[in-house]
Protein backbone atom coordinates (compact mmCIF):
# COMPACT_ATOMS: atom_id res chain seq x y z
CA MET A 1 115.63 -149.08 -114.37
CA LYS A 2 116.77 -150.29 -110.96
CA LYS A 3 120.30 -149.21 -111.82
CA THR A 4 119.02 -145.70 -112.70
CA TYR A 5 117.16 -145.39 -109.40
CA SER A 6 120.26 -146.51 -107.54
CA ILE A 7 122.35 -143.84 -109.21
CA ILE A 8 119.76 -141.15 -108.37
CA ILE A 9 119.63 -142.27 -104.74
CA LEU A 10 123.44 -142.20 -104.54
CA LEU A 11 123.52 -138.68 -105.99
CA ILE A 12 120.94 -137.49 -103.46
CA LEU A 13 122.91 -139.01 -100.59
CA PHE A 14 126.13 -137.48 -101.89
CA VAL A 15 124.60 -133.99 -102.10
CA ALA A 16 122.99 -134.35 -98.67
CA PHE A 17 126.28 -135.51 -97.15
CA GLY A 18 128.13 -132.60 -98.73
CA MET A 19 125.62 -130.09 -97.41
CA ALA A 20 125.91 -131.60 -93.95
CA GLN A 21 129.66 -131.03 -94.03
CA GLU A 22 129.37 -127.34 -94.99
CA LYS A 23 129.63 -124.68 -92.27
CA PRO A 24 126.13 -123.47 -91.37
CA GLN A 25 125.45 -120.05 -92.86
CA ASN A 26 123.47 -117.24 -91.24
CA ASN A 27 122.60 -114.22 -93.36
CA PHE A 28 122.57 -112.01 -90.26
CA GLU A 29 126.18 -112.65 -89.25
CA ASP A 30 128.70 -110.03 -90.40
CA TRP A 31 132.28 -111.34 -90.55
CA GLU A 32 133.59 -108.70 -92.94
CA ASN A 33 133.12 -105.24 -91.40
CA LYS A 34 135.20 -105.34 -88.23
CA PRO A 35 134.72 -102.24 -86.03
CA ALA A 36 137.82 -100.16 -85.35
CA LYS A 37 139.30 -100.48 -81.89
CA VAL A 38 138.86 -97.42 -79.65
CA VAL A 39 140.32 -97.11 -76.17
CA PRO A 40 137.74 -95.38 -73.93
CA GLY A 41 138.62 -92.36 -71.84
CA ASN A 42 138.46 -92.41 -68.05
CA GLY A 43 136.96 -89.09 -67.05
CA ASN A 44 139.96 -86.82 -67.45
CA THR A 45 141.21 -88.40 -70.67
CA ALA A 46 139.52 -88.55 -74.06
CA PRO A 47 138.86 -91.68 -76.15
CA SER A 48 141.80 -92.69 -78.32
CA ASP A 49 140.14 -91.54 -81.56
CA ALA A 50 138.99 -88.15 -80.24
CA ILE A 51 140.37 -84.76 -81.21
CA VAL A 52 141.29 -83.00 -77.97
CA LEU A 53 140.29 -79.36 -78.36
CA PHE A 54 141.34 -78.21 -74.89
CA THR A 55 143.57 -79.55 -72.14
CA ASP A 56 145.63 -76.55 -70.96
CA ASN A 57 145.81 -74.04 -73.82
CA LEU A 58 143.70 -72.44 -76.54
CA ASP A 59 146.07 -73.11 -79.44
CA LEU A 60 143.30 -74.85 -81.42
CA TRP A 61 140.97 -71.85 -81.10
CA GLU A 62 140.82 -68.28 -82.31
CA PHE A 63 138.58 -65.27 -81.92
CA ALA A 64 135.73 -65.10 -84.43
CA GLY A 65 137.26 -63.07 -87.24
CA GLY A 66 140.59 -64.87 -87.06
CA LYS A 67 142.44 -62.91 -84.36
CA LYS A 68 144.58 -64.61 -81.72
CA ILE A 69 142.85 -65.32 -78.42
CA THR A 70 143.97 -63.22 -75.46
CA TRP A 71 142.21 -65.23 -72.74
CA GLU A 72 144.34 -66.91 -70.08
CA SER A 73 144.24 -70.69 -69.83
CA SER A 74 145.78 -73.48 -67.78
CA LYS A 75 145.21 -77.12 -66.90
CA LYS A 76 142.37 -75.92 -64.69
CA GLY A 77 140.52 -74.50 -67.70
CA PHE A 78 139.81 -71.09 -69.18
CA ALA A 79 137.25 -68.36 -68.57
CA VAL A 80 135.31 -66.31 -71.10
CA VAL A 81 136.36 -62.67 -70.86
CA PRO A 82 133.28 -60.43 -71.04
CA GLY A 83 133.44 -57.87 -73.79
CA THR A 84 135.62 -59.99 -76.09
CA PRO A 85 134.44 -61.85 -79.22
CA ASP A 86 133.21 -65.43 -79.38
CA ILE A 87 135.88 -68.05 -79.97
CA ILE A 88 135.79 -70.66 -82.74
CA SER A 89 137.75 -73.83 -83.35
CA LYS A 90 140.40 -73.64 -86.07
CA GLN A 91 139.21 -77.02 -87.33
CA SER A 92 135.77 -77.52 -88.86
CA PHE A 93 133.31 -80.29 -88.02
CA GLY A 94 129.99 -81.74 -89.13
CA SER A 95 128.22 -84.59 -87.35
CA CYS A 96 130.05 -85.31 -84.13
CA GLN A 97 130.16 -86.46 -80.53
CA LEU A 98 131.27 -83.68 -78.18
CA HIS A 99 132.27 -83.69 -74.53
CA VAL A 100 132.66 -80.37 -72.73
CA GLU A 101 132.75 -79.31 -69.08
CA TRP A 102 131.70 -75.86 -67.84
CA ARG A 103 130.79 -73.97 -64.71
CA VAL A 104 129.46 -70.60 -63.63
CA PRO A 105 131.75 -68.98 -60.99
CA LYS A 106 129.86 -68.76 -57.71
CA ASN A 107 131.09 -65.29 -56.77
CA GLU A 108 130.59 -63.66 -60.15
CA ASP A 109 128.43 -60.55 -60.36
CA HIS A 110 126.62 -61.04 -63.65
CA GLY A 111 124.47 -57.94 -63.49
CA GLU A 112 121.12 -58.34 -65.20
CA THR A 113 119.13 -61.51 -64.45
CA LEU A 114 118.96 -62.80 -68.03
CA ASN A 115 122.74 -62.71 -68.30
CA TRP A 116 123.57 -64.85 -65.26
CA GLY A 117 126.22 -67.29 -66.41
CA ASN A 118 125.16 -66.86 -70.01
CA SER A 119 127.18 -68.60 -72.71
CA GLY A 120 126.58 -71.33 -75.25
CA ILE A 121 128.11 -73.91 -77.55
CA LYS A 122 127.19 -73.47 -81.19
CA PHE A 123 127.69 -76.51 -83.39
CA MET A 124 128.89 -75.46 -86.84
CA GLY A 125 128.74 -71.96 -85.36
CA LEU A 126 124.98 -71.98 -85.98
CA TYR A 127 123.07 -74.39 -83.72
CA GLU A 128 123.26 -73.51 -80.03
CA LEU A 129 123.22 -75.66 -76.92
CA GLN A 130 122.66 -73.18 -74.10
CA VAL A 131 124.94 -72.65 -71.10
CA TYR A 132 123.32 -70.83 -68.17
CA ASP A 133 123.12 -70.80 -64.37
CA SER A 134 119.87 -72.76 -64.02
CA TYR A 135 120.39 -74.69 -60.77
CA ASP A 136 117.50 -72.94 -59.03
CA ASP A 137 114.99 -70.16 -59.71
CA LYS A 138 117.18 -67.29 -58.55
CA HIS A 139 118.03 -66.34 -62.13
CA LYS A 140 114.89 -67.09 -64.10
CA ILE A 141 114.84 -67.31 -67.86
CA TYR A 142 112.35 -68.72 -70.34
CA HIS A 143 112.47 -72.53 -70.26
CA ASN A 144 113.82 -72.91 -73.79
CA GLY A 145 116.66 -70.59 -72.83
CA GLN A 146 117.84 -72.31 -69.64
CA ALA A 147 120.87 -74.57 -69.39
CA GLY A 148 120.59 -77.62 -71.62
CA SER A 149 118.08 -76.08 -74.01
CA ILE A 150 118.49 -76.03 -77.75
CA TYR A 151 118.21 -72.28 -77.60
CA LYS A 152 114.71 -70.93 -78.26
CA GLN A 153 113.71 -74.31 -79.78
CA HIS A 154 113.68 -77.16 -77.24
CA SER A 155 113.56 -77.01 -73.43
CA PRO A 156 115.51 -79.76 -71.65
CA LEU A 157 113.55 -82.81 -70.52
CA VAL A 158 114.70 -82.17 -66.93
CA ASN A 159 116.84 -79.68 -65.05
CA ALA A 160 120.04 -81.66 -64.36
CA CYS A 161 122.16 -78.73 -63.15
CA VAL A 162 124.45 -78.93 -60.13
CA PRO A 163 124.90 -76.03 -57.66
CA THR A 164 126.49 -72.83 -58.94
CA GLY A 165 130.29 -73.02 -58.82
CA GLN A 166 130.46 -76.76 -59.50
CA TRP A 167 131.56 -78.25 -62.81
CA GLU A 168 128.86 -79.41 -65.25
CA SER A 169 129.33 -81.75 -68.20
CA TYR A 170 127.62 -82.03 -71.58
CA ASP A 171 127.93 -85.12 -73.76
CA VAL A 172 126.36 -84.43 -77.11
CA VAL A 173 125.58 -86.33 -80.29
CA PHE A 174 124.98 -83.84 -83.09
CA SER A 175 123.77 -84.81 -86.55
CA ALA A 176 124.56 -82.09 -89.07
CA PRO A 177 121.88 -81.05 -91.56
CA VAL A 178 122.04 -82.24 -95.16
CA PHE A 179 120.98 -79.98 -98.02
CA ASN A 180 119.77 -80.65 -101.54
CA GLN A 181 121.54 -78.94 -104.44
CA ASP A 182 118.79 -76.32 -104.65
CA GLY A 183 119.40 -75.36 -101.01
CA SER A 184 116.34 -77.06 -99.58
CA VAL A 185 116.71 -79.25 -96.50
CA LYS A 186 117.12 -82.95 -97.23
CA LEU A 187 117.71 -83.90 -93.57
CA PRO A 188 117.46 -81.48 -90.61
CA ALA A 189 119.97 -81.39 -87.78
CA TYR A 190 119.36 -83.38 -84.58
CA PHE A 191 120.61 -83.20 -80.99
CA THR A 192 120.86 -85.81 -78.27
CA VAL A 193 122.34 -84.39 -75.06
CA PHE A 194 123.35 -85.79 -71.67
CA GLN A 195 124.00 -83.30 -68.87
CA ASN A 196 125.94 -84.70 -65.93
CA GLY A 197 125.10 -88.19 -67.19
CA ILE A 198 121.34 -87.51 -67.46
CA LEU A 199 119.49 -87.47 -70.78
CA ILE A 200 118.06 -83.98 -71.32
CA GLN A 201 117.54 -83.86 -75.13
CA TYR A 202 116.50 -86.99 -77.01
CA HIS A 203 117.03 -86.84 -80.78
CA VAL A 204 115.27 -83.48 -81.09
CA GLU A 205 114.92 -81.96 -84.53
CA VAL A 206 116.55 -78.58 -85.06
CA LYS A 207 114.17 -76.17 -86.77
CA GLY A 208 116.91 -73.97 -88.18
CA THR A 209 119.86 -71.80 -87.20
CA THR A 210 119.79 -70.33 -83.70
CA SER A 211 118.16 -66.93 -83.57
CA HIS A 212 117.27 -64.65 -80.66
CA GLY A 213 114.74 -62.26 -82.07
CA LYS A 214 113.05 -63.86 -85.06
CA TYR A 215 111.71 -67.21 -86.24
CA THR A 216 114.58 -69.49 -87.18
CA ALA A 217 115.16 -71.00 -90.63
CA TYR A 218 117.80 -73.03 -92.44
CA SER A 219 120.18 -71.60 -95.00
CA LYS A 220 122.42 -73.92 -96.99
CA HIS A 221 126.01 -74.01 -95.71
CA ALA A 222 129.17 -76.08 -95.86
CA GLU A 223 129.22 -79.68 -94.63
CA ARG A 224 131.81 -78.74 -91.99
CA LEU A 225 132.10 -75.52 -90.00
CA PRO A 226 133.92 -74.47 -86.79
CA LEU A 227 132.61 -75.08 -83.30
CA LEU A 228 131.84 -71.84 -81.44
CA ILE A 229 131.89 -70.97 -77.73
CA GLN A 230 129.85 -67.87 -77.03
CA SER A 231 131.04 -64.79 -75.19
CA HIS A 232 127.86 -63.30 -73.75
CA GLY A 233 129.00 -60.99 -70.97
CA SER A 234 129.64 -63.69 -68.35
CA ALA A 235 132.92 -65.21 -67.19
CA VAL A 236 131.78 -68.80 -67.67
CA GLU A 237 134.64 -71.32 -67.35
CA TYR A 238 135.38 -74.31 -69.59
CA ARG A 239 137.68 -77.34 -69.47
CA ASN A 240 138.20 -80.86 -70.85
CA ILE A 241 136.83 -80.46 -74.39
CA TRP A 242 137.10 -83.26 -76.92
CA ILE A 243 135.25 -84.22 -80.07
CA ARG A 244 134.81 -87.33 -82.20
CA GLU A 245 133.86 -86.98 -85.84
CA LEU A 246 130.98 -89.19 -86.91
């Protein structure tokens, strides 16, 4: 009997010693899924994994309808030509991170008040982040139509605009909508937007496609669609556009 107990004790000690020699395990430590290395940009350059959509030419864009763009461009940027169509990216995107810089020319005569520096960036060509001259109250517009609004849906949290004629920046995280097979919405689209480094839209839910004159609604569409820059009668200028697919 004593011999049996001795053997049991030895086995217990052996197991305990073996466990003590093992490397401590923590179920919350991930050693398998190593994040990819990305070199950050430095203001004028894009991150290493970004798709640069504009530096000095519009080769990656076309007029809506497929025609070649006739707008002039340079390293300084490009200006929307009033009376011409919207432009769309030749490449299609879904969920993404977008950086874009824009400004409203200080000496431009925009005519009617509600068209002062009016443009917009439509994600998937359908969901609009508004561009407008909203620095002060000289050119009033409804609050969910001013710069930084998700047009006609969400007003910005604050007015982060700089004076007319200076460059503005948008940094956007856009989550594309997901549809069920029957066309119903499984997940709506969402926007988070920083304007000039200030949070102005915080994970706001998109109610449907952008619409000016009627209540918006979703309609099932492709998982990826072109980005659109709106031509709305104002010579708004753009530069330094890059996008990261999510």
